[in-house]
Each structure stands twice: as C-alpha cells, then as structure tokens.
N, C-alpha and C. Protein backbone atom coordinates (compact mmCIF):
# COMPACT_ATOMS: atom_id res chain seq x y z
N UNK A 1 -7.82 12.84 -0.03
CA UNK A 1 -6.55 12.12 0.07
C UNK A 1 -6.68 10.80 -0.70
N UNK A 2 -5.79 10.57 -1.63
CA UNK A 2 -5.85 9.38 -2.46
C UNK A 2 -5.13 8.21 -1.77
N UNK A 3 -5.76 7.05 -1.87
CA UNK A 3 -5.26 5.83 -1.24
C UNK A 3 -5.20 4.74 -2.29
N UNK A 4 -4.08 4.04 -2.35
CA UNK A 4 -3.98 2.91 -3.28
C UNK A 4 -4.61 1.68 -2.62
N UNK A 5 -5.51 1.03 -3.33
CA UNK A 5 -6.16 -0.18 -2.83
C UNK A 5 -5.79 -1.35 -3.73
N UNK A 6 -5.06 -2.31 -3.17
CA UNK A 6 -4.69 -3.52 -3.91
C UNK A 6 -5.77 -4.56 -3.67
N UNK A 7 -6.48 -4.91 -4.73
CA UNK A 7 -7.58 -5.87 -4.64
C UNK A 7 -7.83 -6.45 -6.02
N UNK A 8 -8.33 -7.66 -6.09
CA UNK A 8 -8.67 -8.21 -7.41
C UNK A 8 -9.88 -7.50 -7.99
N UNK A 9 -9.94 -7.41 -9.31
CA UNK A 9 -11.09 -6.78 -9.95
C UNK A 9 -12.34 -7.64 -9.82
N UNK A 10 -12.14 -8.95 -9.61
CA UNK A 10 -13.26 -9.86 -9.41
C UNK A 10 -13.14 -10.51 -8.03
N UNK A 11 -14.24 -10.53 -7.30
CA UNK A 11 -14.30 -11.26 -6.03
C UNK A 11 -15.55 -12.13 -6.05
N UNK A 12 -15.54 -13.26 -5.34
CA UNK A 12 -16.75 -14.09 -5.27
C UNK A 12 -17.93 -13.29 -4.74
N UNK A 13 -19.12 -13.68 -5.15
CA UNK A 13 -20.33 -12.91 -4.83
C UNK A 13 -20.49 -12.70 -3.33
N UNK A 14 -20.12 -13.70 -2.53
CA UNK A 14 -20.33 -13.57 -1.08
C UNK A 14 -19.43 -12.52 -0.44
N UNK A 15 -18.45 -12.01 -1.18
CA UNK A 15 -17.55 -10.98 -0.65
C UNK A 15 -17.94 -9.57 -1.10
N UNK A 16 -18.86 -9.46 -2.04
CA UNK A 16 -19.15 -8.16 -2.64
C UNK A 16 -19.73 -7.15 -1.66
N UNK A 17 -20.66 -7.58 -0.79
CA UNK A 17 -21.29 -6.64 0.15
C UNK A 17 -20.27 -6.04 1.10
N UNK A 18 -19.37 -6.86 1.62
CA UNK A 18 -18.34 -6.35 2.53
C UNK A 18 -17.38 -5.40 1.85
N UNK A 19 -17.03 -5.69 0.59
CA UNK A 19 -16.14 -4.80 -0.16
C UNK A 19 -16.81 -3.46 -0.40
N UNK A 20 -18.08 -3.49 -0.78
CA UNK A 20 -18.80 -2.24 -1.03
C UNK A 20 -18.92 -1.40 0.24
N UNK A 21 -19.15 -2.06 1.39
CA UNK A 21 -19.22 -1.34 2.66
C UNK A 21 -17.88 -0.69 2.99
N UNK A 22 -16.79 -1.42 2.74
CA UNK A 22 -15.45 -0.88 3.01
C UNK A 22 -15.18 0.34 2.13
N UNK A 23 -15.52 0.26 0.85
CA UNK A 23 -15.29 1.39 -0.05
C UNK A 23 -16.13 2.60 0.35
N UNK A 24 -17.35 2.35 0.82
CA UNK A 24 -18.19 3.45 1.31
C UNK A 24 -17.59 4.05 2.57
N UNK A 25 -17.02 3.20 3.42
CA UNK A 25 -16.36 3.66 4.65
C UNK A 25 -15.17 4.56 4.29
N UNK A 26 -14.41 4.17 3.28
CA UNK A 26 -13.28 4.99 2.83
C UNK A 26 -13.78 6.36 2.37
N UNK A 27 -14.87 6.36 1.63
CA UNK A 27 -15.44 7.61 1.13
C UNK A 27 -15.88 8.51 2.28
N UNK A 28 -16.49 7.91 3.30
CA UNK A 28 -16.93 8.68 4.46
C UNK A 28 -15.76 9.27 5.24
N UNK A 29 -14.59 8.64 5.13
CA UNK A 29 -13.40 9.14 5.81
C UNK A 29 -12.65 10.18 4.95
N UNK A 30 -13.20 10.50 3.80
CA UNK A 30 -12.56 11.48 2.92
C UNK A 30 -11.41 10.90 2.13
N UNK A 31 -11.42 9.58 1.92
CA UNK A 31 -10.35 8.90 1.19
C UNK A 31 -10.84 8.49 -0.19
N UNK A 32 -9.97 8.62 -1.18
CA UNK A 32 -10.30 8.28 -2.56
C UNK A 32 -9.53 7.03 -2.97
N UNK A 33 -10.20 5.87 -3.04
CA UNK A 33 -9.51 4.63 -3.42
C UNK A 33 -9.06 4.66 -4.88
N UNK A 34 -7.83 4.21 -5.12
CA UNK A 34 -7.30 4.12 -6.49
C UNK A 34 -6.88 2.67 -6.72
N UNK A 35 -7.44 2.04 -7.73
CA UNK A 35 -7.12 0.65 -8.07
C UNK A 35 -7.02 0.53 -9.57
N UNK A 36 -5.93 -0.06 -10.05
CA UNK A 36 -5.76 -0.27 -11.48
C UNK A 36 -6.82 -1.23 -11.98
N UNK A 37 -7.53 -0.82 -13.03
CA UNK A 37 -8.59 -1.65 -13.59
C UNK A 37 -9.95 -1.37 -13.00
N UNK A 38 -10.00 -0.52 -11.96
CA UNK A 38 -11.28 -0.15 -11.34
C UNK A 38 -11.49 1.35 -11.44
N UNK A 39 -10.61 2.13 -10.80
CA UNK A 39 -10.69 3.59 -10.88
C UNK A 39 -9.77 4.15 -11.95
N UNK A 40 -8.69 3.42 -12.23
CA UNK A 40 -7.69 3.85 -13.20
C UNK A 40 -7.49 2.75 -14.24
N UNK A 41 -7.27 3.16 -15.48
CA UNK A 41 -7.08 2.19 -16.55
C UNK A 41 -5.75 2.45 -17.23
N UNK A 42 -5.01 1.38 -17.53
CA UNK A 42 -3.63 1.54 -17.99
C UNK A 42 -3.50 2.09 -19.40
N UNK A 43 -2.52 2.96 -19.56
CA UNK A 43 -2.13 3.42 -20.89
C UNK A 43 -0.70 2.98 -21.19
N UNK A 44 -0.12 2.24 -20.22
CA UNK A 44 1.23 1.69 -20.36
C UNK A 44 1.22 0.33 -19.69
N UNK A 45 2.39 -0.23 -19.43
CA UNK A 45 2.43 -1.54 -18.79
C UNK A 45 1.80 -1.44 -17.39
N UNK A 46 1.07 -2.49 -16.94
CA UNK A 46 0.38 -2.42 -15.65
C UNK A 46 1.30 -2.08 -14.48
N UNK A 47 2.51 -2.63 -14.45
CA UNK A 47 3.40 -2.37 -13.33
C UNK A 47 3.83 -0.90 -13.31
N UNK A 48 4.13 -0.34 -14.47
CA UNK A 48 4.48 1.08 -14.54
C UNK A 48 3.30 1.95 -14.11
N UNK A 49 2.10 1.52 -14.49
CA UNK A 49 0.90 2.27 -14.13
C UNK A 49 0.68 2.26 -12.62
N UNK A 50 0.91 1.10 -11.99
CA UNK A 50 0.77 0.99 -10.54
C UNK A 50 1.73 1.93 -9.83
N UNK A 51 2.98 1.97 -10.30
CA UNK A 51 3.99 2.84 -9.69
C UNK A 51 3.57 4.30 -9.82
N UNK A 52 3.02 4.66 -10.98
CA UNK A 52 2.59 6.05 -11.19
C UNK A 52 1.42 6.40 -10.28
N UNK A 53 0.47 5.50 -10.14
CA UNK A 53 -0.68 5.76 -9.26
C UNK A 53 -0.22 5.91 -7.82
N UNK A 54 0.67 5.05 -7.39
CA UNK A 54 1.15 5.12 -6.00
C UNK A 54 1.85 6.43 -5.72
N UNK A 55 2.47 7.01 -6.75
CA UNK A 55 3.15 8.28 -6.56
C UNK A 55 2.21 9.41 -6.20
N UNK A 56 0.90 9.20 -6.44
CA UNK A 56 -0.09 10.23 -6.12
C UNK A 56 -0.90 9.86 -4.88
N UNK A 57 -0.50 8.79 -4.19
CA UNK A 57 -1.25 8.32 -3.02
C UNK A 57 -0.46 8.55 -1.73
N UNK A 58 -1.20 8.65 -0.63
CA UNK A 58 -0.59 8.87 0.68
C UNK A 58 -0.68 7.66 1.59
N UNK A 59 -1.25 6.58 1.10
CA UNK A 59 -1.35 5.36 1.89
C UNK A 59 -1.78 4.23 0.98
N UNK A 60 -1.74 3.01 1.51
CA UNK A 60 -2.13 1.85 0.71
C UNK A 60 -2.86 0.83 1.58
N UNK A 61 -3.84 0.19 0.96
CA UNK A 61 -4.59 -0.89 1.59
C UNK A 61 -4.43 -2.13 0.73
N UNK A 62 -4.09 -3.25 1.36
CA UNK A 62 -3.97 -4.51 0.65
C UNK A 62 -5.10 -5.42 1.13
N UNK A 63 -5.98 -5.81 0.22
CA UNK A 63 -7.11 -6.66 0.56
C UNK A 63 -6.88 -8.05 -0.03
N UNK A 64 -6.72 -9.03 0.83
CA UNK A 64 -6.43 -10.39 0.41
C UNK A 64 -7.69 -11.24 0.29
N UNK A 65 -8.25 -11.28 -0.91
CA UNK A 65 -9.43 -12.09 -1.18
C UNK A 65 -9.01 -13.44 -1.78
N UNK A 66 -9.75 -14.51 -1.50
CA UNK A 66 -9.42 -15.81 -2.09
C UNK A 66 -9.50 -15.76 -3.62
N UNK A 67 -8.43 -16.19 -4.28
CA UNK A 67 -8.40 -16.22 -5.74
C UNK A 67 -7.95 -17.59 -6.26
N UNK A 68 -7.09 -18.24 -5.52
CA UNK A 68 -6.53 -19.53 -5.94
C UNK A 68 -6.64 -20.51 -4.77
N UNK A 69 -7.14 -21.71 -5.04
CA UNK A 69 -7.18 -22.75 -4.00
C UNK A 69 -6.45 -23.98 -4.51
N UNK A 70 -5.47 -24.42 -3.73
CA UNK A 70 -4.67 -25.59 -4.09
C UNK A 70 -5.17 -26.77 -3.27
N UNK A 71 -5.74 -27.75 -3.93
CA UNK A 71 -6.32 -28.90 -3.25
C UNK A 71 -5.29 -30.00 -3.03
N UNK A 72 -4.37 -30.14 -3.96
CA UNK A 72 -3.37 -31.20 -3.86
C UNK A 72 -2.07 -30.71 -4.48
N UNK A 73 -0.98 -31.22 -3.96
CA UNK A 73 0.32 -30.82 -4.47
C UNK A 73 1.37 -30.95 -3.38
N UNK A 74 2.50 -30.33 -3.60
CA UNK A 74 3.57 -30.40 -2.61
C UNK A 74 4.08 -29.01 -2.30
N UNK A 75 4.57 -28.84 -1.09
CA UNK A 75 5.14 -27.59 -0.64
C UNK A 75 6.48 -27.88 0.01
N UNK A 76 7.54 -27.33 -0.56
CA UNK A 76 8.90 -27.58 -0.07
C UNK A 76 9.20 -29.07 0.03
N UNK A 77 8.74 -29.81 -1.00
CA UNK A 77 9.05 -31.23 -1.07
C UNK A 77 8.13 -32.14 -0.30
N UNK A 78 7.16 -31.59 0.41
CA UNK A 78 6.23 -32.41 1.19
C UNK A 78 4.82 -32.21 0.66
N UNK A 79 4.03 -33.27 0.66
CA UNK A 79 2.65 -33.18 0.21
C UNK A 79 1.84 -32.30 1.16
N UNK A 80 0.98 -31.43 0.59
CA UNK A 80 0.14 -30.60 1.46
C UNK A 80 -0.96 -31.46 2.07
N UNK A 81 -1.24 -31.20 3.33
CA UNK A 81 -2.21 -32.02 4.05
C UNK A 81 -3.60 -31.40 4.04
N UNK A 82 -3.71 -30.11 3.77
CA UNK A 82 -5.01 -29.45 3.70
C UNK A 82 -4.93 -28.38 2.62
N UNK A 83 -6.08 -27.98 2.05
CA UNK A 83 -6.08 -26.99 0.97
C UNK A 83 -5.40 -25.68 1.37
N UNK A 84 -4.74 -25.04 0.42
CA UNK A 84 -4.08 -23.75 0.62
C UNK A 84 -4.81 -22.72 -0.24
N UNK A 85 -5.20 -21.61 0.37
CA UNK A 85 -5.89 -20.54 -0.36
C UNK A 85 -4.96 -19.35 -0.51
N UNK A 86 -4.86 -18.83 -1.71
CA UNK A 86 -3.96 -17.71 -2.01
C UNK A 86 -4.76 -16.54 -2.57
N UNK A 87 -4.25 -15.34 -2.34
CA UNK A 87 -4.82 -14.15 -2.95
C UNK A 87 -4.22 -13.94 -4.32
N UNK A 88 -4.56 -12.82 -4.95
CA UNK A 88 -3.98 -12.50 -6.25
C UNK A 88 -2.49 -12.19 -6.11
N UNK A 89 -1.72 -12.57 -7.11
CA UNK A 89 -0.27 -12.31 -7.08
C UNK A 89 0.02 -10.81 -6.98
N UNK A 90 -0.91 -9.99 -7.49
CA UNK A 90 -0.70 -8.55 -7.48
C UNK A 90 -0.72 -7.97 -6.06
N UNK A 91 -1.34 -8.66 -5.12
CA UNK A 91 -1.28 -8.22 -3.72
C UNK A 91 0.16 -8.09 -3.26
N UNK A 92 0.97 -9.08 -3.60
CA UNK A 92 2.36 -9.11 -3.14
C UNK A 92 3.21 -8.09 -3.88
N UNK A 93 3.01 -7.97 -5.20
CA UNK A 93 3.74 -6.97 -5.97
C UNK A 93 3.43 -5.56 -5.47
N UNK A 94 2.16 -5.27 -5.31
CA UNK A 94 1.74 -3.92 -4.93
C UNK A 94 2.10 -3.60 -3.49
N UNK A 95 2.03 -4.59 -2.61
CA UNK A 95 2.44 -4.36 -1.22
C UNK A 95 3.93 -4.05 -1.14
N UNK A 96 4.73 -4.77 -1.92
CA UNK A 96 6.17 -4.52 -1.93
C UNK A 96 6.50 -3.13 -2.44
N UNK A 97 5.81 -2.70 -3.50
CA UNK A 97 6.04 -1.36 -4.05
C UNK A 97 5.61 -0.29 -3.05
N UNK A 98 4.47 -0.49 -2.41
CA UNK A 98 3.97 0.50 -1.44
C UNK A 98 4.91 0.58 -0.24
N UNK A 99 5.41 -0.57 0.20
CA UNK A 99 6.32 -0.60 1.34
C UNK A 99 7.63 0.11 1.01
N UNK A 100 8.15 -0.17 -0.18
CA UNK A 100 9.41 0.47 -0.59
C UNK A 100 9.23 1.98 -0.74
N UNK A 101 8.01 2.41 -1.11
CA UNK A 101 7.75 3.85 -1.26
C UNK A 101 7.49 4.53 0.07
N UNK A 102 7.40 3.76 1.15
CA UNK A 102 7.17 4.35 2.46
C UNK A 102 5.73 4.69 2.75
N UNK A 103 4.79 4.14 1.98
CA UNK A 103 3.38 4.41 2.22
C UNK A 103 2.90 3.65 3.45
N UNK A 104 2.17 4.31 4.36
CA UNK A 104 1.57 3.57 5.47
C UNK A 104 0.65 2.48 4.92
N UNK A 105 0.83 1.27 5.42
CA UNK A 105 0.12 0.11 4.89
C UNK A 105 -0.92 -0.43 5.87
N UNK A 106 -2.08 -0.77 5.33
CA UNK A 106 -3.10 -1.51 6.07
C UNK A 106 -3.35 -2.79 5.29
N UNK A 107 -3.06 -3.93 5.90
CA UNK A 107 -3.20 -5.22 5.23
C UNK A 107 -4.33 -6.00 5.89
N UNK A 108 -5.33 -6.35 5.10
CA UNK A 108 -6.48 -7.11 5.59
C UNK A 108 -6.66 -8.32 4.68
N UNK A 109 -6.78 -9.50 5.27
CA UNK A 109 -6.96 -10.70 4.44
C UNK A 109 -8.02 -11.61 5.03
N UNK A 110 -8.66 -12.37 4.14
CA UNK A 110 -9.67 -13.32 4.57
C UNK A 110 -9.03 -14.42 5.41
N UNK A 111 -9.82 -15.04 6.25
CA UNK A 111 -9.32 -16.03 7.20
C UNK A 111 -8.55 -17.18 6.55
N UNK A 112 -8.93 -17.54 5.34
CA UNK A 112 -8.29 -18.70 4.71
C UNK A 112 -7.08 -18.33 3.86
N UNK A 113 -6.89 -17.05 3.57
CA UNK A 113 -5.80 -16.62 2.69
C UNK A 113 -4.49 -16.54 3.47
N UNK A 114 -3.44 -17.12 2.93
CA UNK A 114 -2.16 -17.15 3.64
C UNK A 114 -0.99 -16.98 2.68
N UNK A 115 0.20 -17.02 3.26
CA UNK A 115 1.48 -16.96 2.58
C UNK A 115 1.81 -15.55 2.09
N UNK A 116 3.12 -15.34 1.88
CA UNK A 116 3.60 -14.05 1.41
C UNK A 116 3.36 -12.94 2.42
N UNK A 117 2.84 -11.84 1.98
CA UNK A 117 2.62 -10.69 2.86
C UNK A 117 1.55 -10.94 3.90
N UNK A 118 0.77 -12.03 3.72
CA UNK A 118 -0.28 -12.32 4.68
C UNK A 118 0.20 -13.18 5.84
N UNK A 119 1.49 -13.42 5.91
CA UNK A 119 2.09 -14.09 7.06
C UNK A 119 2.60 -13.04 8.03
N UNK A 120 2.30 -13.21 9.28
CA UNK A 120 2.70 -12.22 10.28
C UNK A 120 4.22 -12.12 10.38
N UNK A 121 4.69 -10.88 10.54
CA UNK A 121 6.12 -10.63 10.69
C UNK A 121 6.81 -10.29 9.39
N UNK A 122 6.13 -10.46 8.25
CA UNK A 122 6.75 -10.14 6.96
C UNK A 122 6.87 -8.64 6.77
N UNK A 123 5.80 -7.92 7.10
CA UNK A 123 5.76 -6.47 6.92
C UNK A 123 5.57 -5.76 8.25
N UNK A 124 6.19 -4.60 8.37
CA UNK A 124 5.96 -3.73 9.51
C UNK A 124 4.74 -2.88 9.18
N UNK A 125 3.55 -3.51 9.33
CA UNK A 125 2.32 -2.85 8.90
C UNK A 125 1.16 -3.38 9.73
N UNK A 126 0.03 -2.66 9.64
CA UNK A 126 -1.20 -3.12 10.26
C UNK A 126 -1.69 -4.35 9.50
N UNK A 127 -1.74 -5.53 10.15
CA UNK A 127 -2.14 -6.78 9.50
C UNK A 127 -3.32 -7.39 10.24
N UNK A 128 -4.41 -7.65 9.50
CA UNK A 128 -5.62 -8.13 10.15
C UNK A 128 -6.22 -9.29 9.37
N UNK A 129 -6.54 -10.37 10.08
CA UNK A 129 -7.17 -11.54 9.50
C UNK A 129 -8.64 -11.51 9.92
N UNK A 130 -9.54 -11.38 8.97
CA UNK A 130 -10.97 -11.25 9.28
C UNK A 130 -11.80 -12.09 8.31
N UNK A 131 -13.07 -12.21 8.61
CA UNK A 131 -14.02 -12.88 7.71
C UNK A 131 -14.54 -11.85 6.72
N UNK A 132 -13.97 -11.84 5.53
CA UNK A 132 -14.33 -10.83 4.54
C UNK A 132 -15.70 -11.09 3.90
N UNK A 133 -16.34 -12.21 4.26
CA UNK A 133 -17.70 -12.42 3.78
C UNK A 133 -18.71 -11.65 4.63
N UNK A 134 -18.30 -11.17 5.80
CA UNK A 134 -19.20 -10.38 6.64
C UNK A 134 -19.44 -9.03 5.98
N UNK A 135 -20.70 -8.63 5.81
CA UNK A 135 -20.99 -7.35 5.14
C UNK A 135 -20.42 -6.14 5.86
N UNK A 136 -20.21 -6.26 7.17
CA UNK A 136 -19.75 -5.11 7.96
C UNK A 136 -18.37 -5.35 8.58
N UNK A 137 -17.52 -6.11 7.92
CA UNK A 137 -16.22 -6.42 8.51
C UNK A 137 -15.39 -5.17 8.79
N UNK A 138 -15.50 -4.16 7.93
CA UNK A 138 -14.70 -2.94 8.12
C UNK A 138 -15.22 -2.05 9.24
N UNK A 139 -16.41 -2.35 9.75
CA UNK A 139 -17.00 -1.54 10.80
C UNK A 139 -16.82 -2.17 12.18
N UNK A 140 -16.20 -3.34 12.26
CA UNK A 140 -15.94 -3.97 13.54
C UNK A 140 -15.04 -3.05 14.38
N UNK A 141 -15.33 -2.92 15.68
CA UNK A 141 -14.60 -1.94 16.52
C UNK A 141 -13.08 -2.03 16.40
N UNK A 142 -12.53 -3.24 16.50
CA UNK A 142 -11.07 -3.37 16.46
C UNK A 142 -10.50 -2.93 15.11
N UNK A 143 -11.14 -3.37 14.04
CA UNK A 143 -10.63 -3.02 12.72
C UNK A 143 -10.88 -1.56 12.40
N UNK A 144 -12.02 -1.04 12.79
CA UNK A 144 -12.32 0.37 12.56
C UNK A 144 -11.30 1.25 13.28
N UNK A 145 -10.92 0.84 14.49
CA UNK A 145 -9.89 1.59 15.22
C UNK A 145 -8.56 1.56 14.51
N UNK A 146 -8.22 0.40 13.93
CA UNK A 146 -6.96 0.28 13.19
C UNK A 146 -6.99 1.15 11.93
N UNK A 147 -8.16 1.20 11.29
CA UNK A 147 -8.30 2.04 10.09
C UNK A 147 -8.09 3.52 10.45
N UNK A 148 -8.65 3.94 11.59
CA UNK A 148 -8.50 5.33 12.02
C UNK A 148 -7.03 5.64 12.32
N UNK A 149 -6.34 4.70 12.97
CA UNK A 149 -4.92 4.91 13.29
C UNK A 149 -4.08 4.94 12.02
N UNK A 150 -4.40 4.05 11.07
CA UNK A 150 -3.69 4.03 9.79
C UNK A 150 -3.93 5.33 9.03
N UNK A 151 -5.17 5.86 9.07
CA UNK A 151 -5.46 7.11 8.37
C UNK A 151 -4.62 8.25 8.96
N UNK A 152 -4.48 8.28 10.29
CA UNK A 152 -3.65 9.34 10.91
C UNK A 152 -2.21 9.24 10.43
N UNK A 153 -1.72 8.01 10.24
CA UNK A 153 -0.36 7.84 9.72
C UNK A 153 -0.26 8.36 8.29
N UNK A 154 -1.32 8.16 7.50
CA UNK A 154 -1.33 8.66 6.12
C UNK A 154 -1.32 10.19 6.10
N UNK A 155 -2.14 10.79 6.95
CA UNK A 155 -2.22 12.25 7.00
C UNK A 155 -0.89 12.84 7.45
N UNK A 156 -0.24 12.16 8.41
CA UNK A 156 1.03 12.65 8.92
C UNK A 156 2.22 12.31 8.05
N UNK A 157 1.99 11.52 7.00
CA UNK A 157 3.09 11.15 6.11
C UNK A 157 4.10 10.24 6.75
N UNK A 158 3.66 9.40 7.70
CA UNK A 158 4.58 8.51 8.39
C UNK A 158 4.99 7.36 7.48
N UNK A 159 6.27 7.04 7.48
CA UNK A 159 6.78 5.95 6.65
C UNK A 159 6.64 4.64 7.39
N UNK A 160 6.65 3.53 6.62
CA UNK A 160 6.55 2.20 7.22
C UNK A 160 7.82 1.82 7.98
N UNK A 161 8.95 2.32 7.52
CA UNK A 161 10.20 1.98 8.18
C UNK A 161 11.11 3.19 8.14
N UNK A 162 12.10 3.21 9.00
CA UNK A 162 12.88 4.43 9.22
C UNK A 162 13.62 4.91 7.98
N UNK A 163 13.97 4.00 7.06
CA UNK A 163 14.72 4.42 5.89
C UNK A 163 13.88 4.91 4.74
N UNK A 164 12.55 4.76 4.85
CA UNK A 164 11.69 5.12 3.73
C UNK A 164 11.41 6.61 3.71
N UNK A 165 11.34 7.15 2.52
CA UNK A 165 11.00 8.56 2.34
C UNK A 165 9.93 8.62 1.28
N UNK A 166 8.77 9.18 1.60
CA UNK A 166 7.66 9.26 0.66
C UNK A 166 7.50 10.69 0.16
N UNK A 167 7.51 10.86 -1.14
CA UNK A 167 7.26 12.16 -1.73
C UNK A 167 5.84 12.15 -2.28
N UNK A 168 4.88 12.69 -1.53
CA UNK A 168 3.48 12.64 -1.93
C UNK A 168 3.27 13.41 -3.22
N UNK A 169 2.74 12.74 -4.21
CA UNK A 169 2.47 13.38 -5.48
C UNK A 169 3.68 13.48 -6.38
N UNK A 170 4.83 13.02 -5.95
CA UNK A 170 6.03 13.10 -6.76
C UNK A 170 6.57 11.73 -7.06
N UNK A 171 7.73 11.64 -7.71
CA UNK A 171 8.29 10.35 -8.07
C UNK A 171 8.62 9.53 -6.82
N UNK A 172 8.32 8.23 -6.88
CA UNK A 172 8.62 7.36 -5.76
C UNK A 172 10.13 7.33 -5.53
N UNK A 173 10.55 7.50 -4.28
CA UNK A 173 11.96 7.49 -3.93
C UNK A 173 12.57 8.87 -3.86
N UNK A 174 11.85 9.89 -4.32
CA UNK A 174 12.36 11.26 -4.27
C UNK A 174 12.05 11.86 -2.91
N UNK A 175 13.07 12.26 -2.13
CA UNK A 175 12.78 12.82 -0.80
C UNK A 175 12.25 14.24 -0.89
N UNK A 176 11.56 14.64 0.16
CA UNK A 176 11.07 16.01 0.26
C UNK A 176 11.92 16.78 1.26
N UNK A 177 11.96 18.08 1.11
CA UNK A 177 12.77 18.90 2.00
C UNK A 177 12.09 19.02 3.37
N UNK A 178 12.78 18.66 4.45
CA UNK A 178 12.18 18.75 5.78
C UNK A 178 11.98 20.19 6.24
N UNK A 179 12.68 21.14 5.62
CA UNK A 179 12.57 22.55 6.02
C UNK A 179 11.41 23.26 5.30
N UNK A 180 11.23 22.94 4.03
CA UNK A 180 10.27 23.70 3.22
C UNK A 180 8.92 23.00 3.03
N UNK A 181 8.87 21.70 3.25
CA UNK A 181 7.64 20.96 2.98
C UNK A 181 6.64 21.10 4.11
N UNK A 182 5.38 21.09 3.73
CA UNK A 182 4.28 21.07 4.69
C UNK A 182 3.35 19.94 4.29
N UNK A 183 2.35 19.64 5.14
CA UNK A 183 1.39 18.59 4.82
C UNK A 183 0.63 18.94 3.54
N UNK A 184 0.36 20.25 3.36
CA UNK A 184 -0.40 20.69 2.19
C UNK A 184 0.44 20.73 0.92
N UNK A 185 1.74 21.02 1.06
CA UNK A 185 2.58 21.16 -0.13
C UNK A 185 3.95 20.56 0.13
N UNK A 186 4.35 19.66 -0.76
CA UNK A 186 5.65 19.01 -0.65
C UNK A 186 6.64 19.67 -1.60
N UNK A 187 7.83 19.96 -1.10
CA UNK A 187 8.90 20.50 -1.93
C UNK A 187 9.90 19.37 -2.17
N UNK A 188 10.00 18.93 -3.42
CA UNK A 188 10.85 17.80 -3.75
C UNK A 188 12.30 18.24 -3.94
N UNK A 189 13.21 17.40 -3.48
CA UNK A 189 14.63 17.68 -3.62
C UNK A 189 15.12 17.20 -4.98
N UNK A 190 16.18 17.84 -5.45
CA UNK A 190 16.76 17.50 -6.75
C UNK A 190 18.01 16.65 -6.54
N UNK A 191 18.24 15.66 -7.42
CA UNK A 191 19.45 14.84 -7.27
C UNK A 191 20.71 15.64 -7.58
N UNK A 192 21.75 15.37 -6.83
CA UNK A 192 23.06 16.00 -7.06
C UNK A 192 23.94 14.95 -7.72
N UNK A 193 24.30 15.13 -8.98
CA UNK A 193 25.06 14.10 -9.70
C UNK A 193 26.51 14.05 -9.23
N UNK A 194 27.15 12.89 -9.38
CA UNK A 194 28.58 12.80 -9.08
C UNK A 194 29.36 13.54 -10.15
N UNK A 195 30.53 14.10 -9.82
CA UNK A 195 31.20 14.06 -8.51
C UNK A 195 30.77 15.19 -7.57
N UNK A 196 29.77 15.99 -7.99
CA UNK A 196 29.38 17.15 -7.20
C UNK A 196 28.73 16.74 -5.88
N UNK A 197 28.17 15.51 -5.82
CA UNK A 197 27.55 15.09 -4.57
C UNK A 197 28.57 14.96 -3.45
N UNK A 198 29.83 14.60 -3.82
CA UNK A 198 30.86 14.51 -2.79
C UNK A 198 31.22 15.89 -2.26
N UNK A 199 31.25 16.86 -3.15
CA UNK A 199 31.56 18.23 -2.73
C UNK A 199 30.43 18.83 -1.92
N UNK A 200 29.18 18.48 -2.30
CA UNK A 200 28.02 19.04 -1.60
C UNK A 200 27.77 18.36 -0.27
N UNK A 201 28.26 17.12 -0.15
CA UNK A 201 28.05 16.39 1.11
C UNK A 201 26.73 15.66 1.17
N UNK A 202 26.14 15.37 0.01
CA UNK A 202 24.88 14.63 -0.03
C UNK A 202 24.43 14.39 -1.46
N UNK A 203 23.40 13.55 -1.60
CA UNK A 203 22.92 13.18 -2.93
C UNK A 203 21.69 13.96 -3.39
N UNK A 204 21.08 14.72 -2.46
CA UNK A 204 19.87 15.47 -2.79
C UNK A 204 19.98 16.90 -2.27
N UNK A 205 19.43 17.85 -3.04
CA UNK A 205 19.47 19.26 -2.64
C UNK A 205 18.11 19.90 -2.86
N UNK A 206 17.67 20.69 -1.86
CA UNK A 206 16.40 21.40 -1.99
C UNK A 206 16.59 22.60 -2.91
N UNK A 207 15.75 22.76 -3.92
CA UNK A 207 15.89 23.89 -4.84
C UNK A 207 15.55 25.23 -4.19
N UNK A 208 14.87 25.21 -3.04
CA UNK A 208 14.46 26.46 -2.38
C UNK A 208 15.48 26.93 -1.36
N UNK A 209 15.76 26.07 -0.37
CA UNK A 209 16.65 26.51 0.72
C UNK A 209 18.06 25.95 0.60
N UNK A 210 18.30 25.11 -0.41
CA UNK A 210 19.61 24.52 -0.68
C UNK A 210 20.05 23.52 0.39
N UNK A 211 19.11 23.04 1.19
CA UNK A 211 19.42 21.99 2.17
C UNK A 211 19.87 20.73 1.44
N UNK A 212 20.92 20.08 1.94
CA UNK A 212 21.49 18.90 1.31
C UNK A 212 21.39 17.70 2.24
N UNK A 213 21.03 16.56 1.69
CA UNK A 213 21.06 15.31 2.48
C UNK A 213 21.56 14.17 1.60
C-alpha cells in the first residue's frame, strides 16, 4: 500500500535516526512511502507531480521538521517575543492536497514547529506533537497506536471528511462506484456532461452498473 509522506529532503543531523526508524516502521507495516525528491523524481512541475503521486496513494503522513527559525520580526503588527520555528512550506501545500483528496492523514510535528496545519483544530486528522530528535519517537505506545489506527483508515479507504471521495489509483476527485468497487479493485465513475447530467439525475455514472450520483 503506497503512502504519501510529506517531509523535507534535508533534515538536521539530530533528526535523521528518528526519521530512519519511522521509515523502517512503515516498511514493517507493509507501507511504501512516496516522497517527491526521495522516492520519486519530477518529470513535470513539482506540484503536478505531487498530485499524480497522491493519486496512487491510500494515505498521507505529514512530518513537520524544523526548517525556518524566525528570531526577530513582527506577527500581525506586533513584535514576536520568542523565536518561531516553521516547517517546510510544502508541508502545508501537500497536506491541503491530501485532505482535499480524502486521504486519511497522520500529522506529526516537532515540539517547536507551529502554525498552519500544525495548529490544533485546523485539520480533521491525527495530529501529534513529539520530540522528533528521539530515535524511537514512532515506536512510543501512544503514537504507535495512532499509526495503527490511521493505517486501518487507509486500508478501509476512509475519507477525512464526509464530502471527500478518494479514488485509489485514479484521478484525484473522481468518485468510485459504491456497488462495483472493492478494496482490491476500484471502479471509477465517468463524468456525465451537461445537459445530460440533468436528465440522468447526477454528475457521475458507473460504466459497469450505470449507477448515477
């Protein structure tokens, strides 16, 4: 089962052991991490490539490693009183794409990383703040349990929110037929163009059973 992993290609040395342990843990769970610039290399624009990779994945992990530290400046017109640590901008882009695609999300960020998707309540997803410098952070009982629960959601094809529809292995946003699809094989529905969609009573039609939604 392929999993999209949003992470920077470079992390500080003190984070490398924990990252390697996490990737080994994914492998032991039968999961194949996919990351642009690590497992996959672009032949088109990076954003288009990310969308294409996600179309072949059944879940996503967002890893928030420290990338930018702001020592002085202002936030919303007020001077910052303590340093602000941010992850890579791609964490937010890729999390938004994965969420819109209905991929079950697991979000893990270092203790100092904040803002955007790393603020609680932004996403309806598993969100965990941990010390990513710990070599065994992914094996901690609480986090390991969350990983197992997230994996079950990936296997079951559960969406992050009620309106999301994930077509595993197909174009993002294309629904699958609830009558003909199985976990092993997804049957993608075809778009019904206007004005025929009004006559059919829906915008998508299954090519096999002709179910319309």
